[in-house]
C-alpha atoms as a PDB file:
ATOM      1  CA  MET A   1      -6.637  -8.900   5.004  1.00  0.00           C
ATOM      2  CA  LYS A   2      -5.223 -12.248   5.242  1.00  0.00           C
ATOM      3  CA  PRO A   3      -1.594 -12.487   4.316  1.00  0.00           C
ATOM      4  CA  ASP A   4      -2.267 -15.180   1.403  1.00  0.00           C
ATOM      5  CA  GLN A   5      -4.552 -12.558  -0.249  1.00  0.00           C
ATOM      6  CA  THR A   6      -3.570 -10.960  -3.352  1.00  0.00           C
ATOM      7  CA  ALA A   7      -4.030  -7.262  -4.478  1.00  0.00           C
ATOM      8  CA  ALA A   8      -6.618  -8.437  -7.202  1.00  0.00           C
ATOM      9  CA  SER A   9      -8.700 -10.658  -4.646  1.00  0.00           C
ATOM     10  CA  GLN A  10     -10.213  -7.482  -2.848  1.00  0.00           C
ATOM     11  CA  PRO A  11     -12.465  -4.845  -4.245  1.00  0.00           C
ATOM     12  CA  LEU A  12     -10.261  -1.338  -4.580  1.00  0.00           C
ATOM     13  CA  ASP A  13     -12.682   0.450  -2.263  1.00  0.00           C
ATOM     14  CA  MET A  14     -12.277  -2.123   0.417  1.00  0.00           C
ATOM     15  CA  LEU A  15      -8.439  -2.187   0.196  1.00  0.00           C
ATOM     16  CA  VAL A  16      -8.252   1.699   0.497  1.00  0.00           C
ATOM     17  CA  SER A  17     -10.849   1.426   3.355  1.00  0.00           C
ATOM     18  CA  SER A  18      -8.835  -0.900   5.240  1.00  0.00           C
ATOM     19  CA  LEU A  19      -5.564   0.882   4.640  1.00  0.00           C
ATOM     20  CA  LEU A  20      -7.173   4.210   5.895  1.00  0.00           C
ATOM     21  CA  TYR A  21      -8.320   2.467   9.134  1.00  0.00           C
ATOM     22  CA  LEU A  22      -4.994   0.859   9.572  1.00  0.00           C
ATOM     23  CA  MET A  23      -2.968   4.151   9.216  1.00  0.00           C
ATOM     24  CA  THR A  24      -5.777   5.880  11.709  1.00  0.00           C
ATOM     25  CA  ARG A  25      -5.267   3.113  14.193  1.00  0.00           C
ATOM     26  CA  TYR A  26      -1.277   3.399  13.966  1.00  0.00           C
ATOM     27  CA  ASN A  27      -1.533   7.072  14.426  1.00  0.00           C
ATOM     28  CA  HIS A  28      -3.071   6.256  17.946  1.00  0.00           C
ATOM     29  CA  HIS A  29      -0.964   3.026  18.729  1.00  0.00           C
ATOM     30  CA  ARG A  30       2.313   2.779  17.476  1.00  0.00           C
ATOM     31  CA  CYS A  31       1.979  -1.211  17.042  1.00  0.00           C
ATOM     32  CA  PRO A  32       4.612  -3.015  14.651  1.00  0.00           C
ATOM     33  CA  LYS A  33       2.195  -5.211  13.676  1.00  0.00           C
ATOM     34  CA  VAL A  34      -0.156  -2.484  12.306  1.00  0.00           C
ATOM     35  CA  HIS A  35       2.856  -0.810  10.720  1.00  0.00           C
ATOM     36  CA  GLN A  36       3.577  -4.017   8.879  1.00  0.00           C
ATOM     37  CA  ALA A  37      -0.170  -4.466   7.757  1.00  0.00           C
ATOM     38  CA  ILE A  38       0.171  -0.823   6.452  1.00  0.00           C
ATOM     39  CA  ALA A  39       3.058  -1.771   4.440  1.00  0.00           C
ATOM     40  CA  SER A  40       1.573  -4.779   2.948  1.00  0.00           C
ATOM     41  CA  HIS A  41      -1.700  -3.016   2.105  1.00  0.00           C
ATOM     42  CA  LEU A  42       0.224  -0.311   0.354  1.00  0.00           C
ATOM     43  CA  ILE A  43       2.014  -2.949  -1.786  1.00  0.00           C
ATOM     44  CA  MET A  44      -1.373  -4.381  -2.469  1.00  0.00           C
ATOM     45  CA  LEU A  45      -2.705  -1.074  -3.463  1.00  0.00           C
ATOM     46  CA  ARG A  46       0.375  -0.246  -5.877  1.00  0.00           C
ATOM     47  CA  ASP A  47      -0.348  -3.724  -7.559  1.00  0.00           C
ATOM     48  CA  HIS A  48      -4.141  -3.850  -7.646  1.00  0.00           C
ATOM     49  CA  PRO A  49      -5.367  -3.957 -11.227  1.00  0.00           C
ATOM     50  CA  GLY A  50      -8.336  -1.358 -10.216  1.00  0.00           C
ATOM     51  CA  ALA A  51      -5.515   1.319  -9.120  1.00  0.00           C
ATOM     52  CA  SER A  52      -4.131   1.349 -12.608  1.00  0.00           C
ATOM     53  CA  TYR A  53      -6.269   3.885 -13.881  1.00  0.00           C
ATOM     54  CA  SER A  54      -4.603   6.315 -11.716  1.00  0.00           C
ATOM     55  CA  VAL A  55      -0.969   7.077 -12.383  1.00  0.00           C
ATOM     56  CA  ALA A  56      -1.018   9.414  -9.340  1.00  0.00           C
ATOM     57  CA  MET A  57      -2.554   6.587  -7.037  1.00  0.00           C
ATOM     58  CA  VAL A  58      -0.210   3.933  -8.225  1.00  0.00           C
ATOM     59  CA  ASN A  59       2.800   6.428  -7.799  1.00  0.00           C
ATOM     60  CA  THR A  60       1.771   7.509  -4.589  1.00  0.00           C
ATOM     61  CA  ALA A  61       1.241   3.719  -3.386  1.00  0.00           C
ATOM     62  CA  ARG A  62       4.469   2.696  -4.609  1.00  0.00           C
ATOM     63  CA  ARG A  63       6.459   5.652  -2.938  1.00  0.00           C
ATOM     64  CA  LEU A  64       4.641   5.074   0.277  1.00  0.00           C
ATOM     65  CA  ALA A  65       5.150   1.380   0.160  1.00  0.00           C
ATOM     66  CA  ASN A  66       8.725   1.863  -0.279  1.00  0.00           C
ATOM     67  CA  GLU A  67       8.771   4.140   2.859  1.00  0.00           C
ATOM     68  CA  TRP A  68       6.680   2.069   5.217  1.00  0.00           C
ATOM     69  CA  SER A  69       8.364  -1.259   3.985  1.00  0.00           C
ATOM     70  CA  ALA A  70      11.938  -0.062   4.490  1.00  0.00           C
ATOM     71  CA  ALA A  71      10.850   1.151   7.972  1.00  0.00           C
ATOM     72  CA  ALA A  72       9.035  -2.145   8.607  1.00  0.00           C
ATOM     73  CA  GLU A  73      11.925  -4.248   7.089  1.00  0.00           C
ATOM     74  CA  ILE A  74       9.369  -5.782   4.638  1.00  0.00           C
ATOM     75  CA  PRO A  75      10.683  -6.995   1.138  1.00  0.00           C
ATOM     76  CA  LEU A  76       8.977  -5.282  -1.640  1.00  0.00           C
ATOM     77  CA  GLN A  77       7.392  -7.926  -3.825  1.00  0.00           C
ATOM     78  CA  LYS A  78       7.191  -7.119  -7.484  1.00  0.00           C
ATOM     79  CA  VAL A  79       8.855  -3.607  -7.095  1.00  0.00           C
ATOM     80  CA  ALA A  80       7.402  -1.059  -9.733  1.00  0.00           C
ATOM     81  CA  THR A  81       9.566   0.682 -12.010  1.00  0.00           C
ATOM     82  CA  LYS A  82       9.925   4.349 -11.167  1.00  0.00           C
ATOM     83  CA  THR A  83       7.456   6.523 -13.188  1.00  0.00           C
ATOM     84  CA  PRO A  84       8.165  10.180 -13.388  1.00  0.00           C
ATOM     85  CA  LEU A  85       5.523  12.381 -11.629  1.00  0.00           C
ATOM     86  CA  THR A  86       3.750  15.056 -13.395  1.00  0.00           C
ATOM     87  CA  VAL A  87       2.474  18.122 -11.288  1.00  0.00           C
ATOM     88  CA  HIS A  88      -0.558  19.982 -12.474  1.00  0.00           C
END
């Protein structure tokens, strides 16, 4: 996705597909630009209106966005408040 795109501008399935592709690519080639793209995509997933139906998805995206962004030194836009996790 282009940097000026927002979470809501992409279908959720396209965002998740892109994220999975980037993570697979990063596993083979530890490129810093791919790392930054993963962090950005996780932030978009966290903020995507279509992901809000799943607390687990939002929590996972938030936690992963925190980890990947810290490692990539990317500021977390609109940092979500922590939501307690429930385990079933």
